[in-house]
Amino acid sequence: MPRAPLSRRTRPALSRRTRLAGAVVAALAAGTALFGAGQATAEHSVPRTDKEIPNLTQVQDKIKAYYGDTVTADGEHYASPTGNYARQVRGIEAKARTYLAEALHRKPAGKARPAIILDIDDTTLLTYNYELKVGFHFTPKSQDDYLAHTDMAPVFGMNRLVNWAHEKGAEVFFITGRKEAQRGWSVRNLKNVGYDVPLDRTHVFLRDQEHPPAYLPCGATCSTVGFKSGTRKHIASLGYRIVANFGDQYSDLLGGSADRAFKLPNPMYYLP
């Protein structure tokens, strides 16, 4: 799903299939180094022969196996709750819960209120069914058609983690590269799959390139990192201490204003 003007959504289909392997739960400094390495590999390395390029069909087959591809009678694809993806996500969530239990128990310095920030696509809502439905070939129209009529499943366990953190005193914010016109569909989906937290405009931030907020100096030209880090800075300026930031892309996590970053796995696409 879109997170920036220069993303897989505006690139040829082949380039968006560049993969960053594995999931990392890292502090921002570690994430910065890994992101830089992945970006250099993805964008600046030109294969000399076909042998240096993974076979696209085989990569897709591995992705399906990793998610534990389950096909319903009507041909819909879903990730398995017992698959390797679900197991990996639950391991990350367990570490996040342990960290948050301590971070939310501590009294923050001054009057800052604790908060957590989350991306939406493949951090709180799982795009796997959509990706398989369109054959890993995104178009703005197919995305709009899907979101208008279909609820994505929650990323395994993330709704429970988010609700638990909110009950423990964390304010919850969502920062997504989805466009402002998709707000209603996005909020409906989050509510329907169990995110029992405030989902008004002061808690859910989407890309508004027609009327960008004044707190973003880059305006409509923001990169993913610029948009997300600028929005985090804005939230912090409202009196919040961001104790944790969750995302499936390194571009969700870079740029500061959070005590700790948690990287969720996503081998389906790469967004700079």
Foldseek 3Di string as FASTA:
>chain_A
DFQFPPWCQPDPLVLFLQFDDDFDFWFQVVLVVSQVVSVCVSPPDDDPDCVVPDDPVVLVVVVCQQQVWDADPVGFTHGDCPHNQVVQQVVLLVVVLVLLVVVLVDDDPDQAFEAAEEEPDPFFFDCVRVCVVVVVDDHPVSVVVDLVPHAGATRPPPLVSQVVSVVSGHAYAYEYAAEPVSLVSRVVNCVVNRNPHDSDPVRYHYDYQPAADPQQPCRNNDASLSRQLSVLVVVVVVRHQHAEYEDQASSNPHNDSYNTYGHRHDSSGYTD
